[in-house]
Amino acid sequence: MKDNVIIDKTLEFSIRIVNLYKYLCKEQSEFVLSKQLLRSGTSIGANVREAEHAQSKADFLNKNNIALKEANETCYWLELLHRTEYITTTMYDSIFADCEEILKILISIVKTSKQNN
């Protein structure tokens, strides 16, 4: 099976999100925002994985659009957690950069898919 950059990156990102969620619950006793982050952050990879075996071009585009929206939402939760001092600037900078990179890739996939439709 050939490498698929977005699938690999979103899986690794999901792992980071799960670990951040565990940290927020255990070390910060934060359960509401962290749950939102967990849902949106892991949903990105799940939708990208679904798109891999989409039933049609429209389904492929739809799944990647959902992943794009979830990535954007995840960036929001990360920024909120940082600005409310649940995560440090160092933690934020690292994981937010990954989220932005995934966003850029998904934007490119969605734009290309729309052009080829």
PDB file of N, CA and C in Angstrom:
ATOM      1  N   MET A   1       0.848  -1.180   0.000  1.00  0.00           N
ATOM      2  CA  MET A   1       0.000   0.000   0.000  1.00  0.00           C
ATOM      3  C   MET A   1       0.895   1.246   0.000  1.00  0.00           C
ATOM      4  N   LYS A   2       0.622   2.183  -0.909  1.00  0.00           N
ATOM      5  CA  LYS A   2       1.456   3.378  -0.984  1.00  0.00           C
ATOM      6  C   LYS A   2       1.125   4.346   0.153  1.00  0.00           C
ATOM      7  N   ASP A   3       2.105   5.182   0.468  1.00  0.00           N
ATOM      8  CA  ASP A   3       1.921   6.156   1.534  1.00  0.00           C
ATOM      9  C   ASP A   3       0.901   7.208   1.118  1.00  0.00           C
ATOM     10  N   ASN A   4       0.076   7.603   2.049  1.00  0.00           N
ATOM     11  CA  ASN A   4      -0.894   8.663   1.842  1.00  0.00           C
ATOM     12  C   ASN A   4      -0.643   9.697   2.933  1.00  0.00           C
ATOM     13  N   VAL A   5      -0.079  10.824   2.552  1.00  0.00           N
ATOM     14  CA  VAL A   5       0.380  11.830   3.504  1.00  0.00           C
ATOM     15  C   VAL A   5      -0.731  12.281   4.440  1.00  0.00           C
ATOM     16  N   ILE A   6      -1.895  12.590   3.910  1.00  0.00           N
ATOM     17  CA  ILE A   6      -2.974  13.115   4.757  1.00  0.00           C
ATOM     18  C   ILE A   6      -3.479  12.053   5.737  1.00  0.00           C
ATOM     19  N   ILE A   7      -3.536  10.819   5.310  1.00  0.00           N
ATOM     20  CA  ILE A   7      -3.968   9.750   6.216  1.00  0.00           C
ATOM     21  C   ILE A   7      -2.934   9.581   7.340  1.00  0.00           C
ATOM     22  N   ASP A   8      -1.668   9.562   6.986  1.00  0.00           N
ATOM     23  CA  ASP A   8      -0.611   9.423   7.989  1.00  0.00           C
ATOM     24  C   ASP A   8      -0.609  10.600   8.964  1.00  0.00           C
ATOM     25  N   LYS A   9      -0.685  11.815   8.427  1.00  0.00           N
ATOM     26  CA  LYS A   9      -0.638  13.008   9.279  1.00  0.00           C
ATOM     27  C   LYS A   9      -1.851  13.098  10.205  1.00  0.00           C
ATOM     28  N   THR A  10      -3.031  12.746   9.697  1.00  0.00           N
ATOM     29  CA  THR A  10      -4.219  12.848  10.546  1.00  0.00           C
ATOM     30  C   THR A  10      -4.238  11.768  11.621  1.00  0.00           C
ATOM     31  N   LEU A  11      -3.681  10.605  11.337  1.00  0.00           N
ATOM     32  CA  LEU A  11      -3.591   9.573  12.376  1.00  0.00           C
ATOM     33  C   LEU A  11      -2.630  10.016  13.480  1.00  0.00           C
ATOM     34  N   GLU A  12      -1.464  10.511  13.090  1.00  0.00           N
ATOM     35  CA  GLU A  12      -0.505  11.008  14.078  1.00  0.00           C
ATOM     36  C   GLU A  12      -1.085  12.176  14.875  1.00  0.00           C
ATOM     37  N   PHE A  13      -1.819  13.038  14.190  1.00  0.00           N
ATOM     38  CA  PHE A  13      -2.452  14.173  14.864  1.00  0.00           C
ATOM     39  C   PHE A  13      -3.505  13.677  15.857  1.00  0.00           C
ATOM     40  N   SER A  14      -4.281  12.683  15.478  1.00  0.00           N
ATOM     41  CA  SER A  14      -5.288  12.113  16.382  1.00  0.00           C
ATOM     42  C   SER A  14      -4.642  11.564  17.649  1.00  0.00           C
ATOM     43  N   ILE A  15      -3.504  10.929  17.493  1.00  0.00           N
ATOM     44  CA  ILE A  15      -2.779  10.399  18.650  1.00  0.00           C
ATOM     45  C   ILE A  15      -2.359  11.546  19.572  1.00  0.00           C
ATOM     46  N   ARG A  16      -1.875  12.623  18.992  1.00  0.00           N
ATOM     47  CA  ARG A  16      -1.495  13.797  19.796  1.00  0.00           C
ATOM     48  C   ARG A  16      -2.711  14.383  20.510  1.00  0.00           C
ATOM     49  N   ILE A  17      -3.833  14.415  19.828  1.00  0.00           N
ATOM     50  CA  ILE A  17      -5.070  14.952  20.425  1.00  0.00           C
ATOM     51  C   ILE A  17      -5.510  14.080  21.597  1.00  0.00           C
ATOM     52  N   VAL A  18      -5.468  12.772  21.424  1.00  0.00           N
ATOM     53  CA  VAL A  18      -5.848  11.860  22.517  1.00  0.00           C
ATOM     54  C   VAL A  18      -4.921  12.071  23.717  1.00  0.00           C
ATOM     55  N   ASN A  19      -3.636  12.201  23.466  1.00  0.00           N
ATOM     56  CA  ASN A  19      -2.686  12.426  24.557  1.00  0.00           C
ATOM     57  C   ASN A  19      -2.901  13.779  25.236  1.00  0.00           C
ATOM     58  N   LEU A  20      -3.227  14.799  24.447  1.00  0.00           N
ATOM     59  CA  LEU A  20      -3.537  16.110  25.022  1.00  0.00           C
ATOM     60  C   LEU A  20      -4.812  16.039  25.851  1.00  0.00           C
ATOM     61  N   TYR A  21      -5.796  15.313  25.364  1.00  0.00           N
ATOM     62  CA  TYR A  21      -7.047  15.119  26.111  1.00  0.00           C
ATOM     63  C   TYR A  21      -6.765  14.472  27.471  1.00  0.00           C
ATOM     64  N   LYS A  22      -5.939  13.433  27.469  1.00  0.00           N
ATOM     65  CA  LYS A  22      -5.598  12.752  28.728  1.00  0.00           C
ATOM     66  C   LYS A  22      -4.892  13.718  29.690  1.00  0.00           C
ATOM     67  N   TYR A  23      -3.989  14.524  29.150  1.00  0.00           N
ATOM     68  CA  TYR A  23      -3.295  15.518  29.963  1.00  0.00           C
ATOM     69  C   TYR A  23      -4.282  16.531  30.552  1.00  0.00           C
ATOM     70  N   LEU A  24      -5.170  17.044  29.716  1.00  0.00           N
ATOM     71  CA  LEU A  24      -6.124  18.052  30.182  1.00  0.00           C
ATOM     72  C   LEU A  24      -7.027  17.509  31.284  1.00  0.00           C
ATOM     73  N   CYS A  25      -7.449  16.274  31.142  1.00  0.00           N
ATOM     74  CA  CYS A  25      -8.318  15.665  32.162  1.00  0.00           C
ATOM     75  C   CYS A  25      -7.547  15.384  33.448  1.00  0.00           C
ATOM     76  N   LYS A  26      -6.376  14.785  33.305  1.00  0.00           N
ATOM     77  CA  LYS A  26      -5.615  14.342  34.481  1.00  0.00           C
ATOM     78  C   LYS A  26      -4.910  15.502  35.193  1.00  0.00           C
ATOM     79  N   GLU A  27      -4.221  16.326  34.420  1.00  0.00           N
ATOM     80  CA  GLU A  27      -3.382  17.367  35.024  1.00  0.00           C
ATOM     81  C   GLU A  27      -4.104  18.695  35.232  1.00  0.00           C
ATOM     82  N   GLN A  28      -5.072  19.000  34.384  1.00  0.00           N
ATOM     83  CA  GLN A  28      -5.748  20.294  34.450  1.00  0.00           C
ATOM     84  C   GLN A  28      -7.189  20.184  34.960  1.00  0.00           C
ATOM     85  N   SER A  29      -7.665  18.976  35.136  1.00  0.00           N
ATOM     86  CA  SER A  29      -9.059  18.732  35.550  1.00  0.00           C
ATOM     87  C   SER A  29     -10.045  19.506  34.667  1.00  0.00           C
ATOM     88  N   GLU A  30      -9.761  19.498  33.381  1.00  0.00           N
ATOM     89  CA  GLU A  30     -10.606  20.185  32.399  1.00  0.00           C
ATOM     90  C   GLU A  30     -11.312  19.112  31.580  1.00  0.00           C
ATOM     91  N   PHE A  31     -12.646  19.124  31.596  1.00  0.00           N
ATOM     92  CA  PHE A  31     -13.402  18.034  30.977  1.00  0.00           C
ATOM     93  C   PHE A  31     -14.336  18.472  29.855  1.00  0.00           C
ATOM     94  N   VAL A  32     -14.687  19.734  29.776  1.00  0.00           N
ATOM     95  CA  VAL A  32     -15.659  20.189  28.779  1.00  0.00           C
ATOM     96  C   VAL A  32     -14.977  20.555  27.463  1.00  0.00           C
ATOM     97  N   LEU A  33     -14.063  21.504  27.510  1.00  0.00           N
ATOM     98  CA  LEU A  33     -13.352  21.915  26.290  1.00  0.00           C
ATOM     99  C   LEU A  33     -12.535  20.766  25.723  1.00  0.00           C
ATOM    100  N   SER A  34     -11.938  19.987  26.606  1.00  0.00           N
ATOM    101  CA  SER A  34     -11.103  18.875  26.148  1.00  0.00           C
ATOM    102  C   SER A  34     -11.919  17.829  25.401  1.00  0.00           C
ATOM    103  N   LYS A  35     -13.154  17.620  25.807  1.00  0.00           N
ATOM    104  CA  LYS A  35     -14.026  16.655  25.114  1.00  0.00           C
ATOM    105  C   LYS A  35     -14.360  17.165  23.715  1.00  0.00           C
ATOM    106  N   GLN A  36     -14.593  18.461  23.581  1.00  0.00           N
ATOM    107  CA  GLN A  36     -14.853  19.059  22.267  1.00  0.00           C
ATOM    108  C   GLN A  36     -13.627  18.885  21.368  1.00  0.00           C
ATOM    109  N   LEU A  37     -12.453  19.140  21.946  1.00  0.00           N
ATOM    110  CA  LEU A  37     -11.204  18.979  21.204  1.00  0.00           C
ATOM    111  C   LEU A  37     -11.018  17.534  20.766  1.00  0.00           C
ATOM    112  N   LEU A  38     -11.286  16.609  21.666  1.00  0.00           N
ATOM    113  CA  LEU A  38     -11.145  15.186  21.349  1.00  0.00           C
ATOM    114  C   LEU A  38     -12.050  14.795  20.185  1.00  0.00           C
ATOM    115  N   ARG A  39     -13.288  15.229  20.227  1.00  0.00           N
ATOM    116  CA  ARG A  39     -14.245  14.875  19.166  1.00  0.00           C
ATOM    117  C   ARG A  39     -13.838  15.447  17.813  1.00  0.00           C
ATOM    118  N   SER A  40     -13.551  16.737  17.769  1.00  0.00           N
ATOM    119  CA  SER A  40     -13.216  17.348  16.476  1.00  0.00           C
ATOM    120  C   SER A  40     -11.842  16.891  15.983  1.00  0.00           C
ATOM    121  N   GLY A  41     -10.879  16.796  16.897  1.00  0.00           N
ATOM    122  CA  GLY A  41      -9.514  16.455  16.506  1.00  0.00           C
ATOM    123  C   GLY A  41      -9.350  15.046  15.973  1.00  0.00           C
ATOM    124  N   THR A  42     -10.127  14.104  16.509  1.00  0.00           N
ATOM    125  CA  THR A  42     -10.047  12.727  16.012  1.00  0.00           C
ATOM    126  C   THR A  42     -10.970  12.501  14.819  1.00  0.00           C
ATOM    127  N   SER A  43     -11.959  13.347  14.684  1.00  0.00           N
ATOM    128  CA  SER A  43     -12.892  13.238  13.557  1.00  0.00           C
ATOM    129  C   SER A  43     -12.214  13.551  12.218  1.00  0.00           C
ATOM    130  N   ILE A  44     -11.198  14.372  12.253  1.00  0.00           N
ATOM    131  CA  ILE A  44     -10.487  14.736  11.017  1.00  0.00           C
ATOM    132  C   ILE A  44      -9.987  13.474  10.321  1.00  0.00           C
ATOM    133  N   GLY A  45      -9.222  12.684  11.046  1.00  0.00           N
ATOM    134  CA  GLY A  45      -8.657  11.464  10.486  1.00  0.00           C
ATOM    135  C   GLY A  45      -9.709  10.440  10.106  1.00  0.00           C
ATOM    136  N   ALA A  46     -10.771  10.352  10.905  1.00  0.00           N
ATOM    137  CA  ALA A  46     -11.845   9.401  10.608  1.00  0.00           C
ATOM    138  C   ALA A  46     -12.511   9.736   9.275  1.00  0.00           C
ATOM    139  N   ASN A  47     -12.744  11.020   9.027  1.00  0.00           N
ATOM    140  CA  ASN A  47     -13.371  11.426   7.766  1.00  0.00           C
ATOM    141  C   ASN A  47     -12.430  11.275   6.578  1.00  0.00           C
ATOM    142  N   VAL A  48     -11.157  11.565   6.790  1.00  0.00           N
ATOM    143  CA  VAL A  48     -10.167  11.358   5.725  1.00  0.00           C
ATOM    144  C   VAL A  48     -10.096   9.877   5.370  1.00  0.00           C
ATOM    145  N   ARG A  49     -10.132   9.032   6.386  1.00  0.00           N
ATOM    146  CA  ARG A  49     -10.091   7.581   6.156  1.00  0.00           C
ATOM    147  C   ARG A  49     -11.346   7.124   5.415  1.00  0.00           C
ATOM    148  N   GLU A  50     -12.504   7.680   5.765  1.00  0.00           N
ATOM    149  CA  GLU A  50     -13.737   7.342   5.043  1.00  0.00           C
ATOM    150  C   GLU A  50     -13.647   7.768   3.581  1.00  0.00           C
ATOM    151  N   ALA A  51     -13.056   8.928   3.347  1.00  0.00           N
ATOM    152  CA  ALA A  51     -12.932   9.435   1.973  1.00  0.00           C
ATOM    153  C   ALA A  51     -12.080   8.521   1.105  1.00  0.00           C
ATOM    154  N   GLU A  52     -11.168   7.812   1.731  1.00  0.00           N
ATOM    155  CA  GLU A  52     -10.279   6.907   1.000  1.00  0.00           C
ATOM    156  C   GLU A  52     -11.075   5.860   0.215  1.00  0.00           C
ATOM    157  N   HIS A  53     -12.212   5.459   0.739  1.00  0.00           N
ATOM    158  CA  HIS A  53     -13.050   4.461   0.074  1.00  0.00           C
ATOM    159  C   HIS A  53     -14.442   5.023  -0.216  1.00  0.00           C
ATOM    160  N   ALA A  54     -14.451   6.268  -0.661  1.00  0.00           N
ATOM    161  CA  ALA A  54     -15.721   6.935  -0.969  1.00  0.00           C
ATOM    162  C   ALA A  54     -16.435   6.217  -2.105  1.00  0.00           C
ATOM    163  N   GLN A  55     -17.757   6.337  -2.098  1.00  0.00           N
ATOM    164  CA  GLN A  55     -18.579   5.669  -3.113  1.00  0.00           C
ATOM    165  C   GLN A  55     -18.610   6.419  -4.440  1.00  0.00           C
ATOM    166  N   SER A  56     -18.258   7.703  -4.390  1.00  0.00           N
ATOM    167  CA  SER A  56     -18.270   8.522  -5.598  1.00  0.00           C
ATOM    168  C   SER A  56     -17.357   9.728  -5.394  1.00  0.00           C
ATOM    169  N   LYS A  57     -17.147  10.487  -6.455  1.00  0.00           N
ATOM    170  CA  LYS A  57     -16.356  11.712  -6.333  1.00  0.00           C
ATOM    171  C   LYS A  57     -17.039  12.704  -5.400  1.00  0.00           C
ATOM    172  N   ALA A  58     -18.360  12.764  -5.483  1.00  0.00           N
ATOM    173  CA  ALA A  58     -19.118  13.666  -4.600  1.00  0.00           C
ATOM    174  C   ALA A  58     -18.972  13.246  -3.136  1.00  0.00           C
ATOM    175  N   ASP A  59     -18.993  11.946  -2.876  1.00  0.00           N
ATOM    176  CA  ASP A  59     -18.823  11.432  -1.522  1.00  0.00           C
ATOM    177  C   ASP A  59     -17.411  11.735  -1.024  1.00  0.00           C
ATOM    178  N   PHE A  60     -16.410  11.566  -1.885  1.00  0.00           N
ATOM    179  CA  PHE A  60     -15.023  11.888  -1.550  1.00  0.00           C
ATOM    180  C   PHE A  60     -14.898  13.355  -1.154  1.00  0.00           C
ATOM    181  N   LEU A  61     -15.491  14.232  -1.958  1.00  0.00           N
ATOM    182  CA  LEU A  61     -15.448  15.664  -1.686  1.00  0.00           C
ATOM    183  C   LEU A  61     -16.161  15.983  -0.377  1.00  0.00           C
ATOM    184  N   ASN A  62     -17.313  15.372  -0.166  1.00  0.00           N
ATOM    185  CA  ASN A  62     -18.084  15.613   1.056  1.00  0.00           C
ATOM    186  C   ASN A  62     -17.300  15.210   2.303  1.00  0.00           C
ATOM    187  N   LYS A  63     -16.696  14.028   2.299  1.00  0.00           N
ATOM    188  CA  LYS A  63     -15.935  13.551   3.461  1.00  0.00           C
ATOM    189  C   LYS A  63     -14.738  14.454   3.746  1.00  0.00           C
ATOM    190  N   ASN A  64     -14.057  14.898   2.702  1.00  0.00           N
ATOM    191  CA  ASN A  64     -12.912  15.787   2.909  1.00  0.00           C
ATOM    192  C   ASN A  64     -13.352  17.176   3.347  1.00  0.00           C
ATOM    193  N   ASN A  65     -14.525  17.625   2.894  1.00  0.00           N
ATOM    194  CA  ASN A  65     -15.077  18.897   3.368  1.00  0.00           C
ATOM    195  C   ASN A  65     -15.389  18.820   4.856  1.00  0.00           C
ATOM    196  N   ILE A  66     -15.941  17.707   5.286  1.00  0.00           N
ATOM    197  CA  ILE A  66     -16.229  17.513   6.710  1.00  0.00           C
ATOM    198  C   ILE A  66     -14.921  17.508   7.499  1.00  0.00           C
ATOM    199  N   ALA A  67     -13.911  16.815   7.003  1.00  0.00           N
ATOM    200  CA  ALA A  67     -12.605  16.789   7.664  1.00  0.00           C
ATOM    201  C   ALA A  67     -12.028  18.200   7.772  1.00  0.00           C
ATOM    202  N   LEU A  68     -12.190  18.988   6.716  1.00  0.00           N
ATOM    203  CA  LEU A  68     -11.709  20.370   6.709  1.00  0.00           C
ATOM    204  C   LEU A  68     -12.416  21.191   7.789  1.00  0.00           C
ATOM    205  N   LYS A  69     -13.720  21.047   7.893  1.00  0.00           N
ATOM    206  CA  LYS A  69     -14.477  21.767   8.924  1.00  0.00           C
ATOM    207  C   LYS A  69     -14.060  21.337  10.324  1.00  0.00           C
ATOM    208  N   GLU A  70     -13.831  20.047  10.504  1.00  0.00           N
ATOM    209  CA  GLU A  70     -13.395  19.542  11.809  1.00  0.00           C
ATOM    210  C   GLU A  70     -12.000  20.060  12.156  1.00  0.00           C
ATOM    211  N   ALA A  71     -11.131  20.162  11.171  1.00  0.00           N
ATOM    212  CA  ALA A  71      -9.785  20.700  11.403  1.00  0.00           C
ATOM    213  C   ALA A  71      -9.860  22.165  11.809  1.00  0.00           C
ATOM    214  N   ASN A  72     -10.718  22.904  11.156  1.00  0.00           N
ATOM    215  CA  ASN A  72     -10.893  24.313  11.498  1.00  0.00           C
ATOM    216  C   ASN A  72     -11.434  24.455  12.918  1.00  0.00           C
ATOM    217  N   GLU A  73     -12.409  23.616  13.276  1.00  0.00           N
ATOM    218  CA  GLU A  73     -12.957  23.629  14.633  1.00  0.00           C
ATOM    219  C   GLU A  73     -11.876  23.263  15.654  1.00  0.00           C
ATOM    220  N   THR A  74     -11.048  22.301  15.327  1.00  0.00           N
ATOM    221  CA  THR A  74      -9.980  21.882  16.230  1.00  0.00           C
ATOM    222  C   THR A  74      -9.004  23.020  16.481  1.00  0.00           C
ATOM    223  N   CYS A  75      -8.675  23.773  15.445  1.00  0.00           N
ATOM    224  CA  CYS A  75      -7.814  24.946  15.619  1.00  0.00           C
ATOM    225  C   CYS A  75      -8.444  25.929  16.611  1.00  0.00           C
ATOM    226  N   TYR A  76      -9.754  26.085  16.529  1.00  0.00           N
ATOM    227  CA  TYR A  76     -10.473  26.966  17.462  1.00  0.00           C
ATOM    228  C   TYR A  76     -10.313  26.480  18.902  1.00  0.00           C
ATOM    229  N   TRP A  77     -10.565  25.193  19.146  1.00  0.00           N
ATOM    230  CA  TRP A  77     -10.475  24.667  20.513  1.00  0.00           C
ATOM    231  C   TRP A  77      -9.051  24.777  21.046  1.00  0.00           C
ATOM    232  N   LEU A  78      -8.070  24.536  20.193  1.00  0.00           N
ATOM    233  CA  LEU A  78      -6.676  24.672  20.625  1.00  0.00           C
ATOM    234  C   LEU A  78      -6.365  26.113  21.018  1.00  0.00           C
ATOM    235  N   GLU A  79      -6.825  27.056  20.212  1.00  0.00           N
ATOM    236  CA  GLU A  79      -6.596  28.465  20.527  1.00  0.00           C
ATOM    237  C   GLU A  79      -7.295  28.851  21.833  1.00  0.00           C
ATOM    238  N   LEU A  80      -8.511  28.383  22.020  1.00  0.00           N
ATOM    239  CA  LEU A  80      -9.249  28.682  23.247  1.00  0.00           C
ATOM    240  C   LEU A  80      -8.548  28.087  24.471  1.00  0.00           C
ATOM    241  N   LEU A  81      -8.095  26.850  24.362  1.00  0.00           N
ATOM    242  CA  LEU A  81      -7.376  26.218  25.471  1.00  0.00           C
ATOM    243  C   LEU A  81      -6.085  26.965  25.798  1.00  0.00           C
ATOM    244  N   HIS A  82      -5.432  27.485  24.786  1.00  0.00           N
ATOM    245  CA  HIS A  82      -4.215  28.254  25.007  1.00  0.00           C
ATOM    246  C   HIS A  82      -4.519  29.597  25.663  1.00  0.00           C
ATOM    247  N   ARG A  83      -5.497  30.299  25.138  1.00  0.00           N
ATOM    248  CA  ARG A  83      -5.811  31.634  25.646  1.00  0.00           C
ATOM    249  C   ARG A  83      -6.439  31.615  27.036  1.00  0.00           C
ATOM    250  N   THR A  84      -6.966  30.462  27.423  1.00  0.00           N
ATOM    251  CA  THR A  84      -7.498  30.314  28.783  1.00  0.00           C
ATOM    252  C   THR A  84      -6.483  29.630  29.706  1.00  0.00           C
ATOM    253  N   GLU A  85      -5.271  29.461  29.205  1.00  0.00           N
ATOM    254  CA  GLU A  85      -4.113  28.973  29.953  1.00  0.00           C
ATOM    255  C   GLU A  85      -4.236  27.524  30.436  1.00  0.00           C
ATOM    256  N   TYR A  86      -4.987  26.712  29.701  1.00  0.00           N
ATOM    257  CA  TYR A  86      -5.000  25.281  29.994  1.00  0.00           C
ATOM    258  C   TYR A  86      -3.804  24.581  29.371  1.00  0.00           C
ATOM    259  N   ILE A  87      -3.296  25.139  28.259  1.00  0.00           N
ATOM    260  CA  ILE A  87      -2.080  24.598  27.646  1.00  0.00           C
ATOM    261  C   ILE A  87      -1.063  25.728  27.490  1.00  0.00           C
ATOM    262  N   THR A  88       0.205  25.352  27.597  1.00  0.00           N
ATOM    263  CA  THR A  88       1.280  26.339  27.508  1.00  0.00           C
ATOM    264  C   THR A  88       1.475  26.786  26.057  1.00  0.00           C
ATOM    265  N   THR A  89       2.196  27.863  25.902  1.00  0.00           N
ATOM    266  CA  THR A  89       2.512  28.361  24.558  1.00  0.00           C
ATOM    267  C   THR A  89       3.322  27.328  23.783  1.00  0.00           C
ATOM    268  N   THR A  90       4.243  26.665  24.440  1.00  0.00           N
ATOM    269  CA  THR A  90       5.052  25.635  23.778  1.00  0.00           C
ATOM    270  C   THR A  90       4.168  24.497  23.265  1.00  0.00           C
ATOM    271  N   MET A  91       3.258  24.030  24.107  1.00  0.00           N
ATOM    272  CA  MET A  91       2.337  22.961  23.705  1.00  0.00           C
ATOM    273  C   MET A  91       1.473  23.425  22.539  1.00  0.00           C
ATOM    274  N   TYR A  92       0.938  24.614  22.678  1.00  0.00           N
ATOM    275  CA  TYR A  92       0.050  25.181  21.661  1.00  0.00           C
ATOM    276  C   TYR A  92       0.759  25.329  20.317  1.00  0.00           C
ATOM    277  N   ASP A  93       1.929  25.943  20.340  1.00  0.00           N
ATOM    278  CA  ASP A  93       2.659  26.198  19.088  1.00  0.00           C
ATOM    279  C   ASP A  93       2.911  24.911  18.313  1.00  0.00           C
ATOM    280  N   SER A  94       3.274  23.873  19.015  1.00  0.00           N
ATOM    281  CA  SER A  94       3.589  22.605  18.378  1.00  0.00           C
ATOM    282  C   SER A  94       2.357  21.947  17.748  1.00  0.00           C
ATOM    283  N   ILE A  95       1.306  21.787  18.506  1.00  0.00           N
ATOM    284  CA  ILE A  95       0.134  21.076  17.997  1.00  0.00           C
ATOM    285  C   ILE A  95      -0.681  21.943  17.035  1.00  0.00           C
ATOM    286  N   PHE A  96      -0.686  23.267  17.260  1.00  0.00           N
ATOM    287  CA  PHE A  96      -1.410  24.159  16.357  1.00  0.00           C
ATOM    288  C   PHE A  96      -0.763  24.170  14.978  1.00  0.00           C
ATOM    289  N   ALA A  97       0.560  24.101  14.938  1.00  0.00           N
ATOM    290  CA  ALA A  97       1.269  24.044  13.650  1.00  0.00           C
ATOM    291  C   ALA A  97       0.862  22.799  12.872  1.00  0.00           C
ATOM    292  N   ASP A  98       0.727  21.668  13.563  1.00  0.00           N
ATOM    293  CA  ASP A  98       0.273  20.437  12.911  1.00  0.00           C
ATOM    294  C   ASP A  98      -1.153  20.594  12.379  1.00  0.00           C
ATOM    295  N   CYS A  99      -1.997  21.226  13.179  1.00  0.00           N
ATOM    296  CA  CYS A  99      -3.393  21.426  12.772  1.00  0.00           C
ATOM    297  C   CYS A  99      -3.465  22.319  11.526  1.00  0.00           C
ATOM    298  N   GLU A 100      -2.686  23.383  11.522  1.00  0.00           N
ATOM    299  CA  GLU A 100      -2.659  24.278  10.361  1.00  0.00           C
ATOM    300  C   GLU A 100      -2.138  23.575   9.113  1.00  0.00           C
ATOM    301  N   GLU A 101      -1.141  22.721   9.283  1.00  0.00           N
ATOM    302  CA  GLU A 101      -0.601  21.973   8.145  1.00  0.00           C
ATOM    303  C   GLU A 101      -1.677  21.056   7.555  1.00  0.00           C
ATOM    304  N   ILE A 102      -2.412  20.374   8.418  1.00  0.00           N
ATOM    305  CA  ILE A 102      -3.506  19.506   7.973  1.00  0.00           C
ATOM    306  C   ILE A 102      -4.581  20.331   7.278  1.00  0.00           C
ATOM    307  N   LEU A 103      -4.902  21.488   7.836  1.00  0.00           N
ATOM    308  CA  LEU A 103      -5.876  22.390   7.208  1.00  0.00           C
ATOM    309  C   LEU A 103      -5.459  22.747   5.786  1.00  0.00           C
ATOM    310  N   LYS A 104      -4.210  23.113   5.605  1.00  0.00           N
ATOM    311  CA  LYS A 104      -3.712  23.503   4.283  1.00  0.00           C
ATOM    312  C   LYS A 104      -3.798  22.346   3.289  1.00  0.00           C
ATOM    313  N   ILE A 105      -3.445  21.151   3.733  1.00  0.00           N
ATOM    314  CA  ILE A 105      -3.528  19.981   2.855  1.00  0.00           C
ATOM    315  C   ILE A 105      -4.981  19.715   2.463  1.00  0.00           C
ATOM    316  N   LEU A 106      -5.879  19.783   3.443  1.00  0.00           N
ATOM    317  CA  LEU A 106      -7.295  19.530   3.161  1.00  0.00           C
ATOM    318  C   LEU A 106      -7.887  20.598   2.248  1.00  0.00           C
ATOM    319  N   ILE A 107      -7.495  21.837   2.425  1.00  0.00           N
ATOM    320  CA  ILE A 107      -7.954  22.906   1.530  1.00  0.00           C
ATOM    321  C   ILE A 107      -7.532  22.587   0.098  1.00  0.00           C
ATOM    322  N   SER A 108      -6.296  22.146  -0.062  1.00  0.00           N
ATOM    323  CA  SER A 108      -5.783  21.787  -1.382  1.00  0.00           C
ATOM    324  C   SER A 108      -6.561  20.607  -1.975  1.00  0.00           C
ATOM    325  N   ILE A 109      -6.829  19.589  -1.176  1.00  0.00           N
ATOM    326  CA  ILE A 109      -7.582  18.418  -1.642  1.00  0.00           C
ATOM    327  C   ILE A 109      -8.984  18.827  -2.076  1.00  0.00           C
ATOM    328  N   VAL A 110      -9.644  19.646  -1.268  1.00  0.00           N
ATOM    329  CA  VAL A 110     -11.019  20.075  -1.577  1.00  0.00           C
ATOM    330  C   VAL A 110     -11.040  20.927  -2.844  1.00  0.00           C
ATOM    331  N   LYS A 111     -10.114  21.873  -2.959  1.00  0.00           N
ATOM    332  CA  LYS A 111     -10.061  22.732  -4.157  1.00  0.00           C
ATOM    333  C   LYS A 111      -9.815  21.907  -5.410  1.00  0.00           C
ATOM    334  N   THR A 112      -8.856  20.999  -5.344  1.00  0.00           N
ATOM    335  CA  THR A 112      -8.531  20.149  -6.486  1.00  0.00           C
ATOM    336  C   THR A 112      -9.715  19.263  -6.853  1.00  0.00           C
ATOM    337  N   SER A 113     -10.389  18.716  -5.863  1.00  0.00           N
ATOM    338  CA  SER A 113     -11.549  17.851  -6.101  1.00  0.00           C
ATOM    339  C   SER A 113     -12.686  18.621  -6.762  1.00  0.00           C
ATOM    340  N   LYS A 114     -12.891  19.863  -6.337  1.00  0.00           N
ATOM    341  CA  LYS A 114     -13.950  20.685  -6.934  1.00  0.00           C
ATOM    342  C   LYS A 114     -13.627  21.002  -8.395  1.00  0.00           C
ATOM    343  N   GLN A 115     -12.353  21.257  -8.686  1.00  0.00           N
ATOM    344  CA  GLN A 115     -11.937  21.569 -10.052  1.00  0.00           C
ATOM    345  C   GLN A 115     -12.085  20.367 -10.975  1.00  0.00           C
ATOM    346  N   ASN A 116     -11.884  19.181 -10.425  1.00  0.00           N
ATOM    347  CA  ASN A 116     -11.951  17.959 -11.232  1.00  0.00           C
ATOM    348  C   ASN A 116     -13.342  17.354 -11.291  1.00  0.00           C
ATOM    349  N   ASN A 117     -14.290  17.989 -10.666  1.00  0.00           N
ATOM    350  CA  ASN A 117     -15.656  17.471 -10.619  1.00  0.00           C
ATOM    351  C   ASN A 117     -16.489  17.929 -11.784  1.00  0.00           C
TER     352      ASN A 117
END
